[in-house]
Amino acid sequence: MRRLKPWLGLFARLVLGGVLVTAGYLKAFNLSQAKMAVRAYEMFPIPVANIFGLALPWLEIGAGLLLLIGISVRYAAAFAGALMFFFILAISQAWARGLSIDCGCFGGGGQIDPSQTRYLSEIVRDAGLVLISFYLFRYPTSRFALEKLPENMINVEKREG
């Protein structure tokens, strides 16, 4: 198992980082739609939702790039996990309140026909990404990462693994 962990870490970094970069990229160049997607959740006052809509794509891209290249993996994984957990809460509250919206996770967003909502699959997807984040937080070392952890941290992981 010890020999497999670095490869699992690489796979986890590529999946989580790829999702974040893709989601951010698809929103970053249509910021008016990104703001609309956040406003559709009706969780924040419009000016606050607009700020989130402007900032979120760039934060996703930044965290995703850190994961893809393997720098600050623990911090990026913690941020990504918290972000995915927040998304789960946001989608859950929209579902519970009977809102009919597209999550806006990969662009788009806003009001949709009630028959087009996919809340459960979105929550399951984000829960899987939270689990990947936990794994990367716990085991941040992986193949082809640019950052090398201090030797004493690697030795601790070897003793625990």
N, C-alpha and C. Protein backbone atom coordinates (compact mmCIF):
# COMPACT_ATOMS: atom_id res chain seq x y z
N MET A 1 0.83 -1.20 0.00
CA MET A 1 0.00 0.00 0.00
C MET A 1 0.87 1.26 0.00
N ARG A 2 1.99 1.19 0.69
CA ARG A 2 2.88 2.35 0.78
C ARG A 2 3.36 2.79 -0.59
N ARG A 3 3.60 1.82 -1.48
CA ARG A 3 4.08 2.15 -2.82
C ARG A 3 2.97 2.72 -3.68
N LEU A 4 1.73 2.43 -3.33
CA LEU A 4 0.59 2.89 -4.09
C LEU A 4 0.16 4.32 -3.72
N LYS A 5 0.42 4.73 -2.47
CA LYS A 5 -0.02 6.04 -1.98
C LYS A 5 0.42 7.21 -2.86
N PRO A 6 1.68 7.27 -3.28
CA PRO A 6 2.08 8.41 -4.12
C PRO A 6 1.32 8.46 -5.44
N TRP A 7 0.96 7.31 -5.99
CA TRP A 7 0.20 7.28 -7.24
C TRP A 7 -1.25 7.65 -6.99
N LEU A 8 -1.82 7.20 -5.87
CA LEU A 8 -3.18 7.60 -5.51
C LEU A 8 -3.24 9.11 -5.27
N GLY A 9 -2.19 9.63 -4.63
CA GLY A 9 -2.11 11.07 -4.41
C GLY A 9 -2.07 11.84 -5.72
N LEU A 10 -1.30 11.35 -6.67
CA LEU A 10 -1.24 12.00 -7.98
C LEU A 10 -2.61 11.98 -8.63
N PHE A 11 -3.26 10.83 -8.62
CA PHE A 11 -4.60 10.71 -9.21
C PHE A 11 -5.57 11.68 -8.53
N ALA A 12 -5.54 11.73 -7.19
CA ALA A 12 -6.43 12.61 -6.44
C ALA A 12 -6.15 14.08 -6.77
N ARG A 13 -4.87 14.44 -6.86
CA ARG A 13 -4.51 15.83 -7.22
C ARG A 13 -5.03 16.19 -8.60
N LEU A 14 -4.87 15.26 -9.55
CA LEU A 14 -5.31 15.54 -10.92
C LEU A 14 -6.83 15.65 -11.01
N VAL A 15 -7.54 14.79 -10.30
CA VAL A 15 -9.01 14.85 -10.34
C VAL A 15 -9.51 16.14 -9.70
N LEU A 16 -9.11 16.38 -8.46
CA LEU A 16 -9.60 17.55 -7.74
C LEU A 16 -9.12 18.84 -8.40
N GLY A 17 -7.83 18.90 -8.74
CA GLY A 17 -7.30 20.09 -9.40
C GLY A 17 -7.94 20.31 -10.76
N GLY A 18 -8.16 19.24 -11.51
CA GLY A 18 -8.79 19.36 -12.82
C GLY A 18 -10.22 19.87 -12.73
N VAL A 19 -10.96 19.38 -11.74
CA VAL A 19 -12.34 19.84 -11.55
C VAL A 19 -12.34 21.33 -11.21
N LEU A 20 -11.47 21.73 -10.29
CA LEU A 20 -11.44 23.14 -9.88
C LEU A 20 -11.04 24.07 -11.02
N VAL A 21 -10.00 23.70 -11.75
CA VAL A 21 -9.55 24.56 -12.86
C VAL A 21 -10.63 24.64 -13.93
N THR A 22 -11.23 23.51 -14.26
CA THR A 22 -12.29 23.51 -15.27
C THR A 22 -13.48 24.36 -14.83
N ALA A 23 -13.93 24.15 -13.60
CA ALA A 23 -15.08 24.92 -13.10
C ALA A 23 -14.76 26.41 -13.07
N GLY A 24 -13.58 26.76 -12.59
CA GLY A 24 -13.21 28.17 -12.54
C GLY A 24 -13.07 28.78 -13.91
N TYR A 25 -12.44 28.06 -14.82
CA TYR A 25 -12.22 28.58 -16.17
C TYR A 25 -13.54 28.83 -16.88
N LEU A 26 -14.49 27.92 -16.72
CA LEU A 26 -15.77 28.06 -17.40
C LEU A 26 -16.58 29.25 -16.87
N LYS A 27 -16.25 29.71 -15.67
CA LYS A 27 -16.95 30.87 -15.10
C LYS A 27 -16.15 32.16 -15.23
N ALA A 28 -14.83 32.06 -15.30
CA ALA A 28 -13.96 33.24 -15.20
C ALA A 28 -14.16 34.23 -16.33
N PHE A 29 -14.56 33.77 -17.48
CA PHE A 29 -14.67 34.67 -18.63
C PHE A 29 -16.11 35.02 -18.95
N ASN A 30 -17.00 34.71 -18.02
CA ASN A 30 -18.39 35.15 -18.11
C ASN A 30 -18.82 35.50 -16.68
N LEU A 31 -18.23 36.56 -16.15
CA LEU A 31 -18.44 36.89 -14.75
C LEU A 31 -19.86 37.35 -14.45
N SER A 32 -20.56 37.92 -15.42
CA SER A 32 -21.95 38.32 -15.16
C SER A 32 -22.81 37.08 -14.90
N GLN A 33 -22.54 36.01 -15.64
CA GLN A 33 -23.26 34.77 -15.42
C GLN A 33 -22.84 34.13 -14.09
N ALA A 34 -21.57 34.24 -13.73
CA ALA A 34 -21.10 33.70 -12.46
C ALA A 34 -21.77 34.42 -11.28
N LYS A 35 -21.91 35.72 -11.39
CA LYS A 35 -22.60 36.48 -10.34
C LYS A 35 -24.07 36.05 -10.25
N MET A 36 -24.71 35.88 -11.41
CA MET A 36 -26.10 35.47 -11.45
C MET A 36 -26.28 34.10 -10.80
N ALA A 37 -25.33 33.19 -11.04
CA ALA A 37 -25.42 31.85 -10.46
C ALA A 37 -25.38 31.90 -8.94
N VAL A 38 -24.52 32.74 -8.38
CA VAL A 38 -24.44 32.85 -6.92
C VAL A 38 -25.70 33.52 -6.38
N ARG A 39 -26.19 34.54 -7.06
CA ARG A 39 -27.41 35.22 -6.61
C ARG A 39 -28.61 34.27 -6.61
N ALA A 40 -28.64 33.31 -7.53
CA ALA A 40 -29.78 32.39 -7.64
C ALA A 40 -29.99 31.56 -6.37
N TYR A 41 -28.95 31.35 -5.60
CA TYR A 41 -29.06 30.59 -4.36
C TYR A 41 -29.81 31.35 -3.27
N GLU A 42 -29.92 32.67 -3.43
CA GLU A 42 -30.64 33.53 -2.48
C GLU A 42 -30.14 33.36 -1.06
N MET A 43 -28.81 33.24 -0.90
CA MET A 43 -28.21 33.08 0.42
C MET A 43 -27.63 34.38 0.96
N PHE A 44 -27.27 35.28 0.08
CA PHE A 44 -26.58 36.50 0.47
C PHE A 44 -27.27 37.71 -0.14
N PRO A 45 -27.06 38.89 0.45
CA PRO A 45 -27.52 40.09 -0.23
C PRO A 45 -26.83 40.20 -1.59
N ILE A 46 -27.50 40.84 -2.54
CA ILE A 46 -26.99 40.89 -3.92
C ILE A 46 -25.55 41.39 -4.01
N PRO A 47 -25.16 42.48 -3.30
CA PRO A 47 -23.76 42.92 -3.43
C PRO A 47 -22.75 41.87 -2.95
N VAL A 48 -23.09 41.15 -1.89
CA VAL A 48 -22.19 40.10 -1.37
C VAL A 48 -22.15 38.93 -2.35
N ALA A 49 -23.30 38.54 -2.89
CA ALA A 49 -23.34 37.46 -3.87
C ALA A 49 -22.52 37.82 -5.10
N ASN A 50 -22.58 39.07 -5.52
CA ASN A 50 -21.79 39.51 -6.68
C ASN A 50 -20.30 39.41 -6.42
N ILE A 51 -19.87 39.75 -5.21
CA ILE A 51 -18.45 39.64 -4.86
C ILE A 51 -18.01 38.18 -4.92
N PHE A 52 -18.84 37.29 -4.35
CA PHE A 52 -18.53 35.86 -4.43
C PHE A 52 -18.47 35.39 -5.88
N GLY A 53 -19.42 35.84 -6.67
CA GLY A 53 -19.45 35.46 -8.09
C GLY A 53 -18.22 35.91 -8.85
N LEU A 54 -17.67 37.06 -8.48
CA LEU A 54 -16.45 37.55 -9.13
C LEU A 54 -15.20 36.83 -8.65
N ALA A 55 -15.15 36.53 -7.36
CA ALA A 55 -13.94 35.95 -6.77
C ALA A 55 -13.85 34.44 -6.93
N LEU A 56 -14.97 33.76 -6.87
CA LEU A 56 -14.98 32.30 -6.85
C LEU A 56 -14.24 31.65 -8.01
N PRO A 57 -14.46 32.07 -9.26
CA PRO A 57 -13.75 31.40 -10.35
C PRO A 57 -12.23 31.48 -10.21
N TRP A 58 -11.73 32.61 -9.77
CA TRP A 58 -10.28 32.78 -9.66
C TRP A 58 -9.71 32.00 -8.48
N LEU A 59 -10.49 31.90 -7.40
CA LEU A 59 -10.06 31.08 -6.26
C LEU A 59 -10.02 29.60 -6.66
N GLU A 60 -11.02 29.16 -7.43
CA GLU A 60 -11.04 27.77 -7.89
C GLU A 60 -9.84 27.49 -8.80
N ILE A 61 -9.57 28.40 -9.72
CA ILE A 61 -8.43 28.21 -10.63
C ILE A 61 -7.13 28.17 -9.83
N GLY A 62 -6.97 29.08 -8.88
CA GLY A 62 -5.74 29.12 -8.08
C GLY A 62 -5.53 27.84 -7.30
N ALA A 63 -6.55 27.38 -6.59
CA ALA A 63 -6.43 26.14 -5.81
C ALA A 63 -6.20 24.95 -6.72
N GLY A 64 -6.90 24.93 -7.85
CA GLY A 64 -6.74 23.83 -8.79
C GLY A 64 -5.33 23.76 -9.36
N LEU A 65 -4.77 24.91 -9.70
CA LEU A 65 -3.39 24.92 -10.23
C LEU A 65 -2.39 24.46 -9.19
N LEU A 66 -2.57 24.89 -7.94
CA LEU A 66 -1.68 24.42 -6.87
C LEU A 66 -1.73 22.90 -6.76
N LEU A 67 -2.93 22.34 -6.85
CA LEU A 67 -3.05 20.88 -6.76
C LEU A 67 -2.43 20.20 -7.97
N LEU A 68 -2.67 20.74 -9.15
CA LEU A 68 -2.15 20.11 -10.36
C LEU A 68 -0.62 20.07 -10.38
N ILE A 69 0.00 21.16 -9.93
CA ILE A 69 1.46 21.18 -9.95
C ILE A 69 2.08 20.64 -8.67
N GLY A 70 1.26 20.47 -7.65
CA GLY A 70 1.76 19.85 -6.42
C GLY A 70 2.50 20.79 -5.50
N ILE A 71 1.97 21.98 -5.33
CA ILE A 71 2.54 22.95 -4.39
C ILE A 71 1.47 23.29 -3.35
N SER A 72 1.87 23.31 -2.07
CA SER A 72 0.93 23.60 -0.98
C SER A 72 -0.30 22.70 -1.05
N VAL A 73 -0.06 21.43 -1.25
CA VAL A 73 -1.15 20.47 -1.45
C VAL A 73 -2.08 20.43 -0.25
N ARG A 74 -1.52 20.42 0.96
CA ARG A 74 -2.38 20.37 2.16
C ARG A 74 -3.31 21.58 2.22
N TYR A 75 -2.75 22.76 2.00
CA TYR A 75 -3.56 23.99 2.07
C TYR A 75 -4.59 24.02 0.95
N ALA A 76 -4.17 23.68 -0.24
CA ALA A 76 -5.10 23.68 -1.38
C ALA A 76 -6.20 22.64 -1.18
N ALA A 77 -5.85 21.48 -0.66
CA ALA A 77 -6.84 20.44 -0.41
C ALA A 77 -7.81 20.88 0.69
N ALA A 78 -7.31 21.51 1.73
CA ALA A 78 -8.18 22.00 2.80
C ALA A 78 -9.15 23.06 2.26
N PHE A 79 -8.63 23.97 1.45
CA PHE A 79 -9.49 25.00 0.85
C PHE A 79 -10.53 24.35 -0.06
N ALA A 80 -10.09 23.42 -0.91
CA ALA A 80 -11.01 22.76 -1.83
C ALA A 80 -12.08 21.98 -1.08
N GLY A 81 -11.68 21.28 -0.02
CA GLY A 81 -12.65 20.52 0.77
C GLY A 81 -13.67 21.42 1.43
N ALA A 82 -13.20 22.55 1.98
CA ALA A 82 -14.13 23.51 2.60
C ALA A 82 -15.07 24.10 1.55
N LEU A 83 -14.53 24.38 0.38
CA LEU A 83 -15.33 24.93 -0.71
C LEU A 83 -16.40 23.92 -1.15
N MET A 84 -16.01 22.67 -1.32
CA MET A 84 -16.97 21.65 -1.72
C MET A 84 -18.04 21.43 -0.66
N PHE A 85 -17.64 21.48 0.61
CA PHE A 85 -18.60 21.34 1.70
C PHE A 85 -19.59 22.51 1.67
N PHE A 86 -19.08 23.71 1.43
CA PHE A 86 -19.95 24.88 1.31
C PHE A 86 -20.92 24.72 0.13
N PHE A 87 -20.41 24.18 -0.98
CA PHE A 87 -21.28 23.94 -2.13
C PHE A 87 -22.39 22.95 -1.78
N ILE A 88 -22.05 21.91 -1.02
CA ILE A 88 -23.05 20.93 -0.59
C ILE A 88 -24.13 21.63 0.24
N LEU A 89 -23.71 22.49 1.16
CA LEU A 89 -24.68 23.22 1.98
C LEU A 89 -25.55 24.13 1.12
N ALA A 90 -24.94 24.82 0.17
CA ALA A 90 -25.69 25.74 -0.69
C ALA A 90 -26.70 24.99 -1.55
N ILE A 91 -26.27 23.90 -2.15
CA ILE A 91 -27.18 23.11 -2.99
C ILE A 91 -28.30 22.51 -2.14
N SER A 92 -27.95 22.02 -0.95
CA SER A 92 -28.95 21.41 -0.06
C SER A 92 -30.00 22.42 0.36
N GLN A 93 -29.58 23.64 0.70
CA GLN A 93 -30.56 24.63 1.12
C GLN A 93 -31.43 25.06 -0.04
N ALA A 94 -30.88 25.12 -1.25
CA ALA A 94 -31.69 25.47 -2.42
C ALA A 94 -32.74 24.39 -2.66
N TRP A 95 -32.32 23.14 -2.53
CA TRP A 95 -33.23 22.00 -2.71
C TRP A 95 -34.32 22.02 -1.64
N ALA A 96 -33.91 22.23 -0.38
CA ALA A 96 -34.86 22.23 0.73
C ALA A 96 -35.86 23.37 0.62
N ARG A 97 -35.44 24.47 0.08
CA ARG A 97 -36.33 25.64 -0.05
C ARG A 97 -37.17 25.59 -1.32
N GLY A 98 -36.95 24.58 -2.15
CA GLY A 98 -37.74 24.43 -3.36
C GLY A 98 -37.34 25.34 -4.50
N LEU A 99 -36.10 25.84 -4.46
CA LEU A 99 -35.62 26.66 -5.57
C LEU A 99 -35.34 25.75 -6.76
N SER A 100 -35.59 26.22 -7.94
CA SER A 100 -35.29 25.47 -9.16
C SER A 100 -34.17 26.19 -9.89
N ILE A 101 -32.94 25.79 -9.54
CA ILE A 101 -31.77 26.47 -10.12
C ILE A 101 -30.76 25.44 -10.61
N ASP A 102 -29.96 25.89 -11.56
CA ASP A 102 -28.79 25.14 -11.99
C ASP A 102 -27.69 25.53 -11.02
N CYS A 103 -26.89 24.58 -10.58
CA CYS A 103 -25.89 24.90 -9.56
C CYS A 103 -24.88 25.93 -10.04
N GLY A 104 -24.65 26.03 -11.33
CA GLY A 104 -23.67 26.99 -11.83
C GLY A 104 -22.24 26.53 -11.58
N CYS A 105 -22.06 25.28 -11.24
CA CYS A 105 -20.75 24.76 -10.89
C CYS A 105 -19.77 24.81 -12.06
N PHE A 106 -20.27 24.58 -13.25
CA PHE A 106 -19.42 24.58 -14.44
C PHE A 106 -19.97 25.59 -15.45
N GLY A 107 -20.17 26.80 -14.98
CA GLY A 107 -20.76 27.84 -15.82
C GLY A 107 -22.27 27.75 -15.74
N GLY A 108 -22.92 28.64 -16.42
CA GLY A 108 -24.38 28.65 -16.37
C GLY A 108 -24.86 29.10 -15.02
N GLY A 109 -25.94 28.54 -14.58
CA GLY A 109 -26.52 28.91 -13.30
C GLY A 109 -27.78 29.70 -13.49
N GLY A 110 -28.50 29.91 -12.41
CA GLY A 110 -29.73 30.66 -12.47
C GLY A 110 -30.94 29.75 -12.47
N GLN A 111 -32.09 30.36 -12.71
CA GLN A 111 -33.36 29.64 -12.68
C GLN A 111 -33.47 28.66 -13.84
N ILE A 112 -34.01 27.48 -13.53
CA ILE A 112 -34.28 26.46 -14.56
C ILE A 112 -35.63 25.83 -14.27
N ASP A 113 -36.11 25.05 -15.19
CA ASP A 113 -37.36 24.32 -15.00
C ASP A 113 -37.14 23.29 -13.87
N PRO A 114 -38.11 23.12 -12.99
CA PRO A 114 -37.95 22.16 -11.88
C PRO A 114 -37.57 20.75 -12.32
N SER A 115 -37.97 20.34 -13.52
CA SER A 115 -37.64 19.00 -13.99
C SER A 115 -36.16 18.86 -14.37
N GLN A 116 -35.45 19.96 -14.47
CA GLN A 116 -34.05 19.93 -14.88
C GLN A 116 -33.06 19.96 -13.71
N THR A 117 -33.57 20.09 -12.48
CA THR A 117 -32.66 20.13 -11.33
C THR A 117 -31.99 18.78 -11.13
N ARG A 118 -30.75 18.82 -10.66
CA ARG A 118 -29.96 17.59 -10.42
C ARG A 118 -29.28 17.68 -9.05
N TYR A 119 -30.03 18.07 -8.04
CA TYR A 119 -29.44 18.34 -6.73
C TYR A 119 -28.73 17.13 -6.14
N LEU A 120 -29.36 15.97 -6.17
CA LEU A 120 -28.75 14.79 -5.54
C LEU A 120 -27.42 14.43 -6.21
N SER A 121 -27.38 14.41 -7.53
CA SER A 121 -26.12 14.06 -8.21
C SER A 121 -25.04 15.12 -7.96
N GLU A 122 -25.43 16.37 -7.83
CA GLU A 122 -24.45 17.43 -7.54
C GLU A 122 -23.90 17.27 -6.13
N ILE A 123 -24.76 16.93 -5.19
CA ILE A 123 -24.32 16.73 -3.80
C ILE A 123 -23.41 15.51 -3.71
N VAL A 124 -23.76 14.43 -4.38
CA VAL A 124 -22.93 13.22 -4.37
C VAL A 124 -21.56 13.52 -4.99
N ARG A 125 -21.54 14.23 -6.12
CA ARG A 125 -20.27 14.60 -6.76
C ARG A 125 -19.41 15.41 -5.80
N ASP A 126 -19.99 16.43 -5.18
CA ASP A 126 -19.22 17.26 -4.27
C ASP A 126 -18.78 16.51 -3.02
N ALA A 127 -19.59 15.57 -2.56
CA ALA A 127 -19.18 14.74 -1.41
C ALA A 127 -17.97 13.89 -1.77
N GLY A 128 -17.96 13.35 -2.98
CA GLY A 128 -16.79 12.60 -3.44
C GLY A 128 -15.55 13.49 -3.48
N LEU A 129 -15.72 14.72 -3.92
CA LEU A 129 -14.58 15.65 -3.97
C LEU A 129 -14.11 16.04 -2.57
N VAL A 130 -15.04 16.10 -1.60
CA VAL A 130 -14.64 16.34 -0.21
C VAL A 130 -13.78 15.18 0.28
N LEU A 131 -14.18 13.95 -0.04
CA LEU A 131 -13.39 12.78 0.37
C LEU A 131 -11.99 12.81 -0.25
N ILE A 132 -11.91 13.19 -1.50
CA ILE A 132 -10.60 13.32 -2.15
C ILE A 132 -9.77 14.39 -1.46
N SER A 133 -10.40 15.48 -1.07
CA SER A 133 -9.70 16.55 -0.35
C SER A 133 -9.15 16.04 0.98
N PHE A 134 -9.96 15.27 1.71
CA PHE A 134 -9.49 14.69 2.97
C PHE A 134 -8.27 13.81 2.74
N TYR A 135 -8.33 12.98 1.70
CA TYR A 135 -7.21 12.11 1.40
C TYR A 135 -5.95 12.94 1.14
N LEU A 136 -6.07 13.97 0.33
CA LEU A 136 -4.90 14.80 0.01
C LEU A 136 -4.40 15.57 1.22
N PHE A 137 -5.30 15.96 2.09
CA PHE A 137 -4.87 16.64 3.32
C PHE A 137 -4.08 15.67 4.20
N ARG A 138 -4.55 14.46 4.29
CA ARG A 138 -3.89 13.44 5.12
C ARG A 138 -2.60 12.93 4.50
N TYR A 139 -2.60 12.73 3.20
CA TYR A 139 -1.43 12.20 2.48
C TYR A 139 -1.07 13.15 1.34
N PRO A 140 -0.43 14.26 1.63
CA PRO A 140 -0.15 15.26 0.60
C PRO A 140 0.99 14.92 -0.36
N THR A 141 1.84 13.97 0.00
CA THR A 141 2.95 13.65 -0.89
C THR A 141 2.45 12.77 -2.03
N SER A 142 2.93 13.05 -3.23
CA SER A 142 2.50 12.27 -4.38
C SER A 142 3.54 12.39 -5.49
N ARG A 143 3.37 11.57 -6.47
CA ARG A 143 4.27 11.56 -7.62
C ARG A 143 4.16 12.88 -8.38
N PHE A 144 5.29 13.31 -8.91
CA PHE A 144 5.39 14.46 -9.80
C PHE A 144 4.92 15.78 -9.18
N ALA A 145 4.91 15.87 -7.86
CA ALA A 145 4.60 17.13 -7.19
C ALA A 145 5.87 17.98 -7.17
N LEU A 146 5.71 19.27 -7.40
CA LEU A 146 6.88 20.15 -7.37
C LEU A 146 7.37 20.40 -5.96
N GLU A 147 6.46 20.38 -5.01
CA GLU A 147 6.82 20.64 -3.62
C GLU A 147 7.23 19.34 -2.93
N LYS A 148 8.33 19.39 -2.27
CA LYS A 148 8.76 18.26 -1.47
C LYS A 148 8.57 18.65 -0.01
N LEU A 149 7.88 17.77 0.75
CA LEU A 149 7.65 18.06 2.15
C LEU A 149 8.95 17.89 2.94
N PRO A 150 9.07 18.59 4.06
CA PRO A 150 10.26 18.41 4.90
C PRO A 150 10.46 16.95 5.27
N GLU A 151 11.70 16.55 5.37
CA GLU A 151 12.05 15.15 5.61
C GLU A 151 11.37 14.58 6.84
N ASN A 152 11.25 15.37 7.91
CA ASN A 152 10.63 14.84 9.12
C ASN A 152 9.15 14.53 8.91
N MET A 153 8.44 15.26 8.05
CA MET A 153 7.04 14.97 7.77
C MET A 153 6.91 13.69 6.96
N ILE A 154 7.83 13.49 6.04
CA ILE A 154 7.79 12.27 5.23
C ILE A 154 8.06 11.06 6.10
N ASN A 155 9.01 11.17 7.03
CA ASN A 155 9.32 10.07 7.93
C ASN A 155 8.13 9.75 8.83
N VAL A 156 7.38 10.77 9.27
CA VAL A 156 6.20 10.53 10.08
C VAL A 156 5.17 9.75 9.27
N GLU A 157 4.98 10.13 8.01
CA GLU A 157 4.01 9.43 7.17
C GLU A 157 4.44 8.00 6.92
N LYS A 158 5.74 7.74 6.79
CA LYS A 158 6.21 6.38 6.56
C LYS A 158 5.93 5.51 7.79
N ARG A 159 6.13 6.09 8.99
CA ARG A 159 5.88 5.32 10.21
C ARG A 159 4.40 5.02 10.37
N GLU A 160 3.54 6.00 9.98
CA GLU A 160 2.11 5.81 10.14
C GLU A 160 1.53 4.90 9.07
N GLY A 161 2.11 4.94 7.85
CA GLY A 161 1.54 4.22 6.70
C GLY A 161 1.81 2.78 6.74
